[in-house]
Structures are given as structure tokens and as C-alpha cells.
Amino acid sequence: MRTTLSIDDDLAQSIEVHRSRKNMSLREAINQLLRLGLQTAKEAPKPRPYAGPVFDSELMPGIDPRRMNQLVDELEVEAHRP
């Protein structure tokens, strides 16, 4: 298949260095590098979801530690109800 590629200058230079070291044509070098890249992309492990540290808490579920004053007020109101 024939196609036209626009390759960044730094990549073109790296391809040229690889090509000259391996004594290959430009076509052979690009095909080889593309195959290696695609193979690596297939074999790349899927990232695991983040799992951070777990800490025990004395608070009950649903209690917001930033609203403790409101909790104290609610408990006082309940304590004084007849």
C-alpha cells in the first residue's frame, strides 16, 4: 500500500539513524519500527484502577466530620424533646 506520511523532524532523524545503523532502506526501517510499536501497544498491560490506602474511622457512615457542630445541635434538640 502506498501512502504519504508527514513525520516530525525529530522522528525522521531517529528513523534515519536507525536505518543507517541497520543498513536498511527507509521503507524497511519504517515497516520494522511500526511493527515493533504495534506489537508493544498490543502487549501493554491495562492500567489497574487506583487503590489508595484505607484507614479505619470512628465515625459512622453518613457523618460528615466537617459538620460536627450541626450534629451536636441535632443531638441536643433530640435530647430535650419530651
PDB file of N, CA and C in Angstrom:
ATOM      1  N   MET A   1       0.845  -1.172   0.000  1.00  0.00           N
ATOM      2  CA  MET A   1       0.000   0.000   0.000  1.00  0.00           C
ATOM      3  C   MET A   1       0.889   1.234   0.000  1.00  0.00           C
ATOM      4  N   ARG A   2       0.602   2.154  -0.838  1.00  0.00           N
ATOM      5  CA  ARG A   2       1.350   3.402  -0.886  1.00  0.00           C
ATOM      6  C   ARG A   2       0.568   4.474  -0.147  1.00  0.00           C
ATOM      7  N   THR A   3       1.292   5.266   0.614  1.00  0.00           N
ATOM      8  CA  THR A   3       0.664   6.383   1.322  1.00  0.00           C
ATOM      9  C   THR A   3       1.697   7.462   1.557  1.00  0.00           C
ATOM     10  N   THR A   4       1.241   8.637   1.885  1.00  0.00           N
ATOM     11  CA  THR A   4       2.137   9.748   2.189  1.00  0.00           C
ATOM     12  C   THR A   4       2.040  10.036   3.680  1.00  0.00           C
ATOM     13  N   LEU A   5       3.179  10.149   4.326  1.00  0.00           N
ATOM     14  CA  LEU A   5       3.222  10.438   5.759  1.00  0.00           C
ATOM     15  C   LEU A   5       3.905  11.773   5.994  1.00  0.00           C
ATOM     16  N   SER A   6       3.405  12.508   6.961  1.00  0.00           N
ATOM     17  CA  SER A   6       4.112  13.694   7.445  1.00  0.00           C
ATOM     18  C   SER A   6       4.726  13.307   8.783  1.00  0.00           C
ATOM     19  N   ILE A   7       6.036  13.236   8.819  1.00  0.00           N
ATOM     20  CA  ILE A   7       6.750  12.783  10.016  1.00  0.00           C
ATOM     21  C   ILE A   7       7.480  13.975  10.616  1.00  0.00           C
ATOM     22  N   ASP A   8       7.354  14.122  11.927  1.00  0.00           N
ATOM     23  CA  ASP A   8       8.065  15.199  12.626  1.00  0.00           C
ATOM     24  C   ASP A   8       9.563  15.060  12.404  1.00  0.00           C
ATOM     25  N   ASP A   9      10.246  16.205  12.425  1.00  0.00           N
ATOM     26  CA  ASP A   9      11.686  16.220  12.140  1.00  0.00           C
ATOM     27  C   ASP A   9      12.486  15.331  13.087  1.00  0.00           C
ATOM     28  N   ASP A  10      12.146  15.361  14.383  1.00  0.00           N
ATOM     29  CA  ASP A  10      12.909  14.547  15.340  1.00  0.00           C
ATOM     30  C   ASP A  10      12.713  13.056  15.076  1.00  0.00           C
ATOM     31  N   LEU A  11      11.484  12.655  14.687  1.00  0.00           N
ATOM     32  CA  LEU A  11      11.255  11.247  14.360  1.00  0.00           C
ATOM     33  C   LEU A  11      11.966  10.849  13.077  1.00  0.00           C
ATOM     34  N   ALA A  12      11.943  11.741  12.087  1.00  0.00           N
ATOM     35  CA  ALA A  12      12.631  11.450  10.824  1.00  0.00           C
ATOM     36  C   ALA A  12      14.122  11.245  11.064  1.00  0.00           C
ATOM     37  N   GLN A  13      14.693  12.050  11.945  1.00  0.00           N
ATOM     38  CA  GLN A  13      16.113  11.917  12.256  1.00  0.00           C
ATOM     39  C   GLN A  13      16.378  10.581  12.964  1.00  0.00           C
ATOM     40  N   SER A  14      15.513  10.211  13.909  1.00  0.00           N
ATOM     41  CA  SER A  14      15.677   8.938  14.619  1.00  0.00           C
ATOM     42  C   SER A  14      15.531   7.754  13.665  1.00  0.00           C
ATOM     43  N   ILE A  15      14.581   7.835  12.742  1.00  0.00           N
ATOM     44  CA  ILE A  15      14.398   6.772  11.753  1.00  0.00           C
ATOM     45  C   ILE A  15      15.637   6.665  10.866  1.00  0.00           C
ATOM     46  N   GLU A  16      16.172   7.795  10.479  1.00  0.00           N
ATOM     47  CA  GLU A  16      17.359   7.799   9.622  1.00  0.00           C
ATOM     48  C   GLU A  16      18.557   7.179  10.342  1.00  0.00           C
ATOM     49  N   VAL A  17      18.723   7.491  11.620  1.00  0.00           N
ATOM     50  CA  VAL A  17      19.814   6.895  12.407  1.00  0.00           C
ATOM     51  C   VAL A  17      19.620   5.381  12.494  1.00  0.00           C
ATOM     52  N   HIS A  18      18.399   4.949  12.783  1.00  0.00           N
ATOM     53  CA  HIS A  18      18.094   3.509  12.869  1.00  0.00           C
ATOM     54  C   HIS A  18      18.364   2.828  11.530  1.00  0.00           C
ATOM     55  N   ARG A  19      17.915   3.461  10.447  1.00  0.00           N
ATOM     56  CA  ARG A  19      18.081   2.914   9.104  1.00  0.00           C
ATOM     57  C   ARG A  19      19.553   2.738   8.748  1.00  0.00           C
ATOM     58  N   SER A  20      20.350   3.762   9.061  1.00  0.00           N
ATOM     59  CA  SER A  20      21.769   3.683   8.704  1.00  0.00           C
ATOM     60  C   SER A  20      22.512   2.653   9.567  1.00  0.00           C
ATOM     61  N   ARG A  21      22.131   2.528  10.842  1.00  0.00           N
ATOM     62  CA  ARG A  21      22.775   1.534  11.713  1.00  0.00           C
ATOM     63  C   ARG A  21      22.480   0.109  11.253  1.00  0.00           C
ATOM     64  N   LYS A  22      21.261  -0.117  10.804  1.00  0.00           N
ATOM     65  CA  LYS A  22      20.835  -1.460  10.398  1.00  0.00           C
ATOM     66  C   LYS A  22      21.071  -1.723   8.913  1.00  0.00           C
ATOM     67  N   ASN A  23      21.531  -0.703   8.209  1.00  0.00           N
ATOM     68  CA  ASN A  23      21.790  -0.816   6.778  1.00  0.00           C
ATOM     69  C   ASN A  23      20.541  -1.293   6.024  1.00  0.00           C
ATOM     70  N   MET A  24      19.428  -0.563   6.225  1.00  0.00           N
ATOM     71  CA  MET A  24      18.154  -0.905   5.606  1.00  0.00           C
ATOM     72  C   MET A  24      17.669   0.260   4.760  1.00  0.00           C
ATOM     73  N   SER A  25      16.701  -0.042   3.929  1.00  0.00           N
ATOM     74  CA  SER A  25      16.056   1.037   3.179  1.00  0.00           C
ATOM     75  C   SER A  25      15.094   1.763   4.120  1.00  0.00           C
ATOM     76  N   LEU A  26      14.664   2.932   3.709  1.00  0.00           N
ATOM     77  CA  LEU A  26      13.728   3.711   4.523  1.00  0.00           C
ATOM     78  C   LEU A  26      12.435   2.926   4.712  1.00  0.00           C
ATOM     79  N   ARG A  27      11.963   2.310   3.653  1.00  0.00           N
ATOM     80  CA  ARG A  27      10.733   1.512   3.720  1.00  0.00           C
ATOM     81  C   ARG A  27      10.866   0.384   4.731  1.00  0.00           C
ATOM     82  N   GLU A  28      11.971  -0.355   4.685  1.00  0.00           N
ATOM     83  CA  GLU A  28      12.191  -1.463   5.620  1.00  0.00           C
ATOM     84  C   GLU A  28      12.251  -0.956   7.056  1.00  0.00           C
ATOM     85  N   ALA A  29      12.945   0.155   7.265  1.00  0.00           N
ATOM     86  CA  ALA A  29      13.092   0.697   8.619  1.00  0.00           C
ATOM     87  C   ALA A  29      11.739   1.119   9.189  1.00  0.00           C
ATOM     88  N   ILE A  30      10.955   1.832   8.393  1.00  0.00           N
ATOM     89  CA  ILE A  30       9.649   2.296   8.873  1.00  0.00           C
ATOM     90  C   ILE A  30       8.730   1.107   9.139  1.00  0.00           C
ATOM     91  N   ASN A  31       8.705   0.123   8.257  1.00  0.00           N
ATOM     92  CA  ASN A  31       7.881  -1.065   8.486  1.00  0.00           C
ATOM     93  C   ASN A  31       8.291  -1.797   9.756  1.00  0.00           C
ATOM     94  N   GLN A  32       9.587  -1.949   9.964  1.00  0.00           N
ATOM     95  CA  GLN A  32      10.071  -2.646  11.156  1.00  0.00           C
ATOM     96  C   GLN A  32       9.671  -1.878  12.418  1.00  0.00           C
ATOM     97  N   LEU A  33       9.886  -0.579  12.408  1.00  0.00           N
ATOM     98  CA  LEU A  33       9.561   0.227  13.589  1.00  0.00           C
ATOM     99  C   LEU A  33       8.057   0.261  13.856  1.00  0.00           C
ATOM    100  N   LEU A  34       7.255   0.320  12.818  1.00  0.00           N
ATOM    101  CA  LEU A  34       5.802   0.276  13.004  1.00  0.00           C
ATOM    102  C   LEU A  34       5.359  -1.062  13.592  1.00  0.00           C
ATOM    103  N   ARG A  35       5.935  -2.161  13.089  1.00  0.00           N
ATOM    104  CA  ARG A  35       5.584  -3.483  13.629  1.00  0.00           C
ATOM    105  C   ARG A  35       5.948  -3.584  15.110  1.00  0.00           C
ATOM    106  N   LEU A  36       7.146  -3.119  15.450  1.00  0.00           N
ATOM    107  CA  LEU A  36       7.564  -3.151  16.860  1.00  0.00           C
ATOM    108  C   LEU A  36       6.634  -2.309  17.731  1.00  0.00           C
ATOM    109  N   GLY A  37       6.298  -1.138  17.241  1.00  0.00           N
ATOM    110  CA  GLY A  37       5.408  -0.260  18.007  1.00  0.00           C
ATOM    111  C   GLY A  37       4.028  -0.845  18.195  1.00  0.00           C
ATOM    112  N   LEU A  38       3.475  -1.433  17.149  1.00  0.00           N
ATOM    113  CA  LEU A  38       2.151  -2.035  17.251  1.00  0.00           C
ATOM    114  C   LEU A  38       2.160  -3.261  18.149  1.00  0.00           C
ATOM    115  N   GLN A  39       3.218  -4.044  18.082  1.00  0.00           N
ATOM    116  CA  GLN A  39       3.323  -5.222  18.949  1.00  0.00           C
ATOM    117  C   GLN A  39       3.407  -4.787  20.415  1.00  0.00           C
ATOM    118  N   THR A  40       4.181  -3.758  20.683  1.00  0.00           N
ATOM    119  CA  THR A  40       4.307  -3.256  22.050  1.00  0.00           C
ATOM    120  C   THR A  40       2.975  -2.706  22.547  1.00  0.00           C
ATOM    121  N   ALA A  41       2.247  -2.013  21.678  1.00  0.00           N
ATOM    122  CA  ALA A  41       0.947  -1.453  22.068  1.00  0.00           C
ATOM    123  C   ALA A  41      -0.046  -2.557  22.406  1.00  0.00           C
ATOM    124  N   LYS A  42       0.000  -3.679  21.682  1.00  0.00           N
ATOM    125  CA  LYS A  42      -0.898  -4.803  21.969  1.00  0.00           C
ATOM    126  C   LYS A  42      -0.581  -5.435  23.310  1.00  0.00           C
ATOM    127  N   GLU A  43       0.708  -5.537  23.614  1.00  0.00           N
ATOM    128  CA  GLU A  43       1.143  -6.250  24.813  1.00  0.00           C
ATOM    129  C   GLU A  43       1.141  -5.384  26.060  1.00  0.00           C
ATOM    130  N   ALA A  44       0.885  -4.107  25.899  1.00  0.00           N
ATOM    131  CA  ALA A  44       0.914  -3.210  27.056  1.00  0.00           C
ATOM    132  C   ALA A  44      -0.187  -3.612  28.039  1.00  0.00           C
ATOM    133  N   PRO A  45       0.158  -3.746  29.308  1.00  0.00           N
ATOM    134  CA  PRO A  45      -0.860  -4.130  30.289  1.00  0.00           C
ATOM    135  C   PRO A  45      -1.871  -2.998  30.480  1.00  0.00           C
ATOM    136  N   LYS A  46      -3.095  -3.399  30.756  1.00  0.00           N
ATOM    137  CA  LYS A  46      -4.124  -2.405  31.018  1.00  0.00           C
ATOM    138  C   LYS A  46      -3.865  -1.802  32.397  1.00  0.00           C
ATOM    139  N   PRO A  47      -4.010  -0.500  32.518  1.00  0.00           N
ATOM    140  CA  PRO A  47      -3.762   0.111  33.827  1.00  0.00           C
ATOM    141  C   PRO A  47      -4.797  -0.350  34.853  1.00  0.00           C
ATOM    142  N   ARG A  48      -4.321  -0.602  36.052  1.00  0.00           N
ATOM    143  CA  ARG A  48      -5.218  -1.012  37.126  1.00  0.00           C
ATOM    144  C   ARG A  48      -5.867   0.227  37.731  1.00  0.00           C
ATOM    145  N   PRO A  49      -7.080   0.108  38.228  1.00  0.00           N
ATOM    146  CA  PRO A  49      -7.695   1.257  38.896  1.00  0.00           C
ATOM    147  C   PRO A  49      -6.889   1.627  40.141  1.00  0.00           C
ATOM    148  N   TYR A  50      -6.885   2.894  40.475  1.00  0.00           N
ATOM    149  CA  TYR A  50      -6.145   3.351  41.640  1.00  0.00           C
ATOM    150  C   TYR A  50      -6.751   2.756  42.907  1.00  0.00           C
ATOM    151  N   ALA A  51      -5.906   2.257  43.763  1.00  0.00           N
ATOM    152  CA  ALA A  51      -6.334   1.745  45.057  1.00  0.00           C
ATOM    153  C   ALA A  51      -5.467   2.404  46.116  1.00  0.00           C
ATOM    154  N   GLY A  52      -6.033   3.355  46.807  1.00  0.00           N
ATOM    155  CA  GLY A  52      -5.292   4.090  47.826  1.00  0.00           C
ATOM    156  C   GLY A  52      -5.372   3.392  49.177  1.00  0.00           C
ATOM    157  N   PRO A  53      -4.665   3.938  50.147  1.00  0.00           N
ATOM    158  CA  PRO A  53      -4.688   3.336  51.484  1.00  0.00           C
ATOM    159  C   PRO A  53      -6.067   3.483  52.121  1.00  0.00           C
ATOM    160  N   VAL A  54      -6.421   2.509  52.949  1.00  0.00           N
ATOM    161  CA  VAL A  54      -7.699   2.518  53.648  1.00  0.00           C
ATOM    162  C   VAL A  54      -7.413   2.718  55.130  1.00  0.00           C
ATOM    163  N   PHE A  55      -8.160   3.624  55.743  1.00  0.00           N
ATOM    164  CA  PHE A  55      -7.974   3.928  57.153  1.00  0.00           C
ATOM    165  C   PHE A  55      -9.254   3.629  57.912  1.00  0.00           C
ATOM    166  N   ASP A  56      -9.121   3.067  59.106  1.00  0.00           N
ATOM    167  CA  ASP A  56     -10.285   2.858  59.966  1.00  0.00           C
ATOM    168  C   ASP A  56     -10.707   4.204  60.537  1.00  0.00           C
ATOM    169  N   SER A  57     -12.002   4.366  60.745  1.00  0.00           N
ATOM    170  CA  SER A  57     -12.524   5.614  61.284  1.00  0.00           C
ATOM    171  C   SER A  57     -13.525   5.295  62.377  1.00  0.00           C
ATOM    172  N   GLU A  58     -13.573   6.148  63.360  1.00  0.00           N
ATOM    173  CA  GLU A  58     -14.531   6.000  64.444  1.00  0.00           C
ATOM    174  C   GLU A  58     -15.894   6.573  64.064  1.00  0.00           C
ATOM    175  N   LEU A  59     -15.954   7.275  62.932  1.00  0.00           N
ATOM    176  CA  LEU A  59     -17.208   7.885  62.519  1.00  0.00           C
ATOM    177  C   LEU A  59     -18.108   6.863  61.854  1.00  0.00           C
ATOM    178  N   MET A  60     -19.384   7.045  62.034  1.00  0.00           N
ATOM    179  CA  MET A  60     -20.372   6.185  61.403  1.00  0.00           C
ATOM    180  C   MET A  60     -20.586   6.651  59.970  1.00  0.00           C
ATOM    181  N   PRO A  61     -20.979   5.756  59.083  1.00  0.00           N
ATOM    182  CA  PRO A  61     -21.264   6.177  57.711  1.00  0.00           C
ATOM    183  C   PRO A  61     -22.339   7.249  57.686  1.00  0.00           C
ATOM    184  N   GLY A  62     -22.161   8.239  56.861  1.00  0.00           N
ATOM    185  CA  GLY A  62     -23.136   9.318  56.729  1.00  0.00           C
ATOM    186  C   GLY A  62     -22.846  10.517  57.613  1.00  0.00           C
ATOM    187  N   ILE A  63     -21.853  10.428  58.479  1.00  0.00           N
ATOM    188  CA  ILE A  63     -21.498  11.562  59.341  1.00  0.00           C
ATOM    189  C   ILE A  63     -20.345  12.309  58.697  1.00  0.00           C
ATOM    190  N   ASP A  64     -20.557  13.578  58.446  1.00  0.00           N
ATOM    191  CA  ASP A  64     -19.544  14.423  57.812  1.00  0.00           C
ATOM    192  C   ASP A  64     -18.734  15.111  58.903  1.00  0.00           C
ATOM    193  N   PRO A  65     -17.432  14.824  59.012  1.00  0.00           N
ATOM    194  CA  PRO A  65     -16.636  15.419  60.090  1.00  0.00           C
ATOM    195  C   PRO A  65     -16.538  16.941  59.996  1.00  0.00           C
ATOM    196  N   ARG A  66     -16.844  17.509  58.845  1.00  0.00           N
ATOM    197  CA  ARG A  66     -16.800  18.969  58.712  1.00  0.00           C
ATOM    198  C   ARG A  66     -18.058  19.630  59.243  1.00  0.00           C
ATOM    199  N   ARG A  67     -19.064  18.818  59.643  1.00  0.00           N
ATOM    200  CA  ARG A  67     -20.317  19.380  60.119  1.00  0.00           C
ATOM    201  C   ARG A  67     -20.643  18.857  61.519  1.00  0.00           C
ATOM    202  N   MET A  68     -19.634  18.722  62.358  1.00  0.00           N
ATOM    203  CA  MET A  68     -19.835  18.189  63.711  1.00  0.00           C
ATOM    204  C   MET A  68     -20.706  19.103  64.563  1.00  0.00           C
ATOM    205  N   ASN A  69     -20.571  20.425  64.391  1.00  0.00           N
ATOM    206  CA  ASN A  69     -21.400  21.346  65.180  1.00  0.00           C
ATOM    207  C   ASN A  69     -22.876  21.128  64.881  1.00  0.00           C
ATOM    208  N   GLN A  70     -23.217  20.894  63.631  1.00  0.00           N
ATOM    209  CA  GLN A  70     -24.608  20.638  63.273  1.00  0.00           C
ATOM    210  C   GLN A  70     -25.082  19.340  63.915  1.00  0.00           C
ATOM    211  N   LEU A  71     -24.237  18.326  63.960  1.00  0.00           N
ATOM    212  CA  LEU A  71     -24.590  17.056  64.581  1.00  0.00           C
ATOM    213  C   LEU A  71     -24.837  17.251  66.073  1.00  0.00           C
ATOM    214  N   VAL A  72     -23.981  18.013  66.742  1.00  0.00           N
ATOM    215  CA  VAL A  72     -24.155  18.278  68.170  1.00  0.00           C
ATOM    216  C   VAL A  72     -25.476  19.005  68.410  1.00  0.00           C
ATOM    217  N   ASP A  73     -25.788  19.994  67.573  1.00  0.00           N
ATOM    218  CA  ASP A  73     -27.058  20.718  67.716  1.00  0.00           C
ATOM    219  C   ASP A  73     -28.250  19.774  67.561  1.00  0.00           C
ATOM    220  N   GLU A  74     -28.196  18.889  66.580  1.00  0.00           N
ATOM    221  CA  GLU A  74     -29.301  17.944  66.351  1.00  0.00           C
ATOM    222  C   GLU A  74     -29.451  17.000  67.525  1.00  0.00           C
ATOM    223  N   LEU A  75     -28.339  16.541  68.102  1.00  0.00           N
ATOM    224  CA  LEU A  75     -28.414  15.649  69.241  1.00  0.00           C
ATOM    225  C   LEU A  75     -28.972  16.357  70.476  1.00  0.00           C
ATOM    226  N   GLU A  76     -28.624  17.635  70.677  1.00  0.00           N
ATOM    227  CA  GLU A  76     -29.161  18.395  71.799  1.00  0.00           C
ATOM    228  C   GLU A  76     -30.658  18.602  71.656  1.00  0.00           C
ATOM    229  N   VAL A  77     -31.113  18.882  70.435  1.00  0.00           N
ATOM    230  CA  VAL A  77     -32.550  19.073  70.201  1.00  0.00           C
ATOM    231  C   VAL A  77     -33.294  17.775  70.515  1.00  0.00           C
ATOM    232  N   GLU A  78     -32.761  16.651  70.073  1.00  0.00           N
ATOM    233  CA  GLU A  78     -33.407  15.362  70.337  1.00  0.00           C
ATOM    234  C   GLU A  78     -33.405  15.045  71.813  1.00  0.00           C
ATOM    235  N   ALA A  79     -32.365  15.424  72.544  1.00  0.00           N
ATOM    236  CA  ALA A  79     -32.272  15.141  73.966  1.00  0.00           C
ATOM    237  C   ALA A  79     -33.319  15.944  74.763  1.00  0.00           C
ATOM    238  N   HIS A  80     -33.710  17.110  74.283  1.00  0.00           N
ATOM    239  CA  HIS A  80     -34.634  17.975  75.027  1.00  0.00           C
ATOM    240  C   HIS A  80     -36.071  17.821  74.563  1.00  0.00           C
ATOM    241  N   ARG A  81     -36.339  16.937  73.647  1.00  0.00           N
ATOM    242  CA  ARG A  81     -37.721  16.714  73.205  1.00  0.00           C
ATOM    243  C   ARG A  81     -38.453  15.897  74.269  1.00  0.00           C
ATOM    244  N   PRO A  82     -39.699  16.256  74.493  1.00  0.00           N
ATOM    245  CA  PRO A  82     -40.467  15.486  75.503  1.00  0.00           C
ATOM    246  C   PRO A  82     -40.905  14.135  75.007  1.00  0.00           C
TER     247      PRO A  82
END
